[in-house]
Amino acid sequence: MGYQKVLVTVAVAADSQVLVQKAVSIVRPYNGQITLLSMVANPELYNSFAGPMLGDLRNLMEEETRLFLEQLRQQAGYPIADLLVVQGELGDGLTYANQQRSFDLVICGNHSDHLMNKLSCSAARFIDTSQTDVLIVPL
């Protein structure tokens, strides 16, 4: 049995291509579908004095993320079914996406070299509450 519907969490970073290629290698033999998901940081966390500019900053960050996802889609060498941009915590974003589409596998990257950080990754809440398989790829 192969994975048919795979959700890949990516950041606006060059090493996200590694995660996309991992997903492609997993779904290609089964003609599966890949959805890319990226989180947009909440600008209110960075500057509480910006006031009216926060809406513009949020829109700019979301547009930049969508452009990056589209670039990943074009470089994938395999059809990417959907692109999702969500705000908030990664665990909440994964739960929301999985409720909307029900994925067979979620692929996340981990940049940490420290053992405790590897064990308590951002996707931990999703892993604890979901029946979906999760693949954590060291980056």
Protein backbone atom coordinates (compact mmCIF):
# COMPACT_ATOMS: atom_id res chain seq x y z
CA MET A 1 0.00 0.00 0.00
CA GLY A 2 1.40 3.38 -1.00
CA TYR A 3 0.53 6.87 0.09
CA GLN A 4 -2.04 8.55 -2.17
CA LYS A 5 -2.52 11.97 -0.52
CA VAL A 6 0.52 13.63 1.00
CA LEU A 7 0.70 16.98 2.78
CA VAL A 8 4.14 18.62 2.82
CA THR A 9 4.86 21.46 5.24
CA VAL A 10 7.40 23.88 3.85
CA ALA A 11 8.98 27.13 4.94
CA VAL A 12 10.11 29.94 2.67
CA ALA A 13 13.61 28.48 2.51
CA ALA A 14 15.77 26.73 -0.07
CA ASP A 15 15.83 23.42 1.81
CA SER A 16 12.05 23.08 1.34
CA GLN A 17 12.88 21.62 -2.07
CA VAL A 18 14.26 18.56 -0.22
CA LEU A 19 10.84 17.95 1.34
CA VAL A 20 9.05 18.33 -1.99
CA GLN A 21 11.41 15.87 -3.67
CA LYS A 22 10.89 13.41 -0.81
CA ALA A 23 7.12 13.64 -1.31
CA VAL A 24 7.47 13.20 -5.08
CA SER A 25 9.55 10.05 -4.58
CA ILE A 26 6.89 8.64 -2.25
CA VAL A 27 3.78 9.36 -4.35
CA ARG A 28 5.10 8.99 -7.91
CA PRO A 29 4.83 5.15 -8.04
CA TYR A 30 1.16 5.39 -6.99
CA ASN A 31 0.16 8.54 -8.93
CA GLY A 32 -0.64 10.16 -5.61
CA GLN A 33 -1.43 13.78 -4.85
CA ILE A 34 0.79 16.30 -3.10
CA THR A 35 -0.41 19.39 -1.26
CA LEU A 36 2.07 21.99 -0.04
CA LEU A 37 1.32 23.88 3.18
CA SER A 38 3.24 26.84 4.56
CA MET A 39 2.72 28.89 7.67
CA VAL A 40 2.74 32.67 7.71
CA ALA A 41 4.05 34.22 10.90
CA ASN A 42 1.66 36.54 12.67
CA PRO A 43 3.13 40.06 12.23
CA GLU A 44 1.56 41.22 15.51
CA LEU A 45 4.22 39.19 17.26
CA TYR A 46 6.99 41.28 15.71
CA ASN A 47 5.83 44.82 16.24
CA SER A 48 2.95 45.93 18.40
CA PHE A 49 3.46 49.57 17.38
CA ALA A 50 2.79 49.14 13.65
CA GLY A 51 -0.99 49.57 14.05
CA PRO A 52 -2.67 50.06 10.67
CA MET A 53 0.31 48.71 8.75
CA LEU A 54 -0.13 45.21 10.18
CA GLY A 55 -2.83 44.32 7.67
CA ASP A 56 -0.55 45.31 4.81
CA LEU A 57 2.36 43.40 6.32
CA ARG A 58 0.20 40.29 6.75
CA ASN A 59 -0.94 40.50 3.10
CA LEU A 60 2.64 41.02 1.91
CA MET A 61 3.90 38.02 3.89
CA GLU A 62 1.09 35.84 2.57
CA GLU A 63 1.73 36.90 -1.04
CA GLU A 64 5.46 36.21 -0.66
CA THR A 65 4.65 32.75 0.70
CA ARG A 66 2.22 32.01 -2.15
CA LEU A 67 4.85 33.02 -4.71
CA PHE A 68 7.40 30.74 -3.06
CA LEU A 69 4.91 27.83 -3.05
CA GLU A 70 4.20 28.42 -6.74
CA GLN A 71 7.95 28.33 -7.41
CA LEU A 72 8.20 24.99 -5.56
CA ARG A 73 5.26 23.71 -7.62
CA GLN A 74 7.02 24.62 -10.87
CA GLN A 75 10.30 23.00 -9.80
CA ALA A 76 8.75 19.78 -8.44
CA GLY A 77 8.82 17.77 -11.65
CA TYR A 78 5.49 16.31 -10.58
CA PRO A 79 1.97 17.81 -10.42
CA ILE A 80 1.24 19.54 -7.12
CA ALA A 81 -2.50 19.31 -6.39
CA ASP A 82 -2.88 22.28 -4.05
CA LEU A 83 -1.10 25.08 -2.20
CA LEU A 84 -2.22 26.12 1.29
CA VAL A 85 -1.10 29.15 3.29
CA VAL A 86 -2.26 29.28 6.90
CA GLN A 87 -1.53 31.46 9.92
CA GLY A 88 -0.90 30.39 13.47
CA GLU A 89 0.85 27.38 14.93
CA LEU A 90 2.02 24.49 12.77
CA GLY A 91 0.10 21.88 14.76
CA ASP A 92 -3.15 23.81 14.34
CA GLY A 93 -2.50 24.33 10.63
CA LEU A 94 -1.86 20.61 10.12
CA THR A 95 -5.03 19.70 11.98
CA TYR A 96 -7.09 22.15 9.93
CA ALA A 97 -5.66 20.94 6.60
CA ASN A 98 -6.16 17.28 7.53
CA GLN A 99 -9.78 17.91 8.54
CA GLN A 100 -10.42 19.57 5.17
CA ARG A 101 -8.80 16.90 2.98
CA SER A 102 -7.79 13.84 5.06
CA PHE A 103 -4.19 13.06 4.12
CA ASP A 104 -2.45 9.65 4.29
CA LEU A 105 0.94 11.13 5.16
CA VAL A 106 2.27 14.45 6.44
CA ILE A 107 5.90 15.33 5.74
CA CYS A 108 7.64 17.91 7.94
CA GLY A 109 11.23 19.10 8.07
CA ASN A 110 13.32 19.53 11.20
CA HIS A 111 16.33 21.86 11.32
CA SER A 112 17.34 21.06 14.89
CA ASP A 113 20.52 19.27 15.90
CA HIS A 114 19.59 19.03 19.58
CA LEU A 115 17.94 15.82 20.76
CA MET A 116 15.31 17.55 22.93
CA ASN A 117 14.25 19.80 20.04
CA LYS A 118 13.93 16.80 17.74
CA LEU A 119 11.65 15.11 20.24
CA SER A 120 9.45 18.18 20.75
CA CYS A 121 9.00 19.46 17.21
CA SER A 122 6.33 21.94 16.15
CA ALA A 123 4.15 19.15 14.79
CA ALA A 124 4.01 17.30 18.13
CA ARG A 125 0.42 18.30 18.93
CA PHE A 126 -0.74 17.06 15.52
CA ILE A 127 1.21 13.81 15.94
CA ASP A 128 -0.38 13.23 19.35
CA THR A 129 -3.97 13.77 18.18
CA SER A 130 -4.00 12.42 14.62
CA GLN A 131 -4.17 8.97 13.09
CA THR A 132 -2.23 10.24 10.05
CA ASP A 133 1.32 9.01 9.48
CA VAL A 134 3.98 11.72 9.90
CA LEU A 135 7.44 11.68 8.37
CA ILE A 136 9.97 14.04 9.97
CA VAL A 137 12.86 14.72 7.60
CA PRO A 138 16.12 16.11 9.03
CA LEU A 139 17.28 19.17 7.07
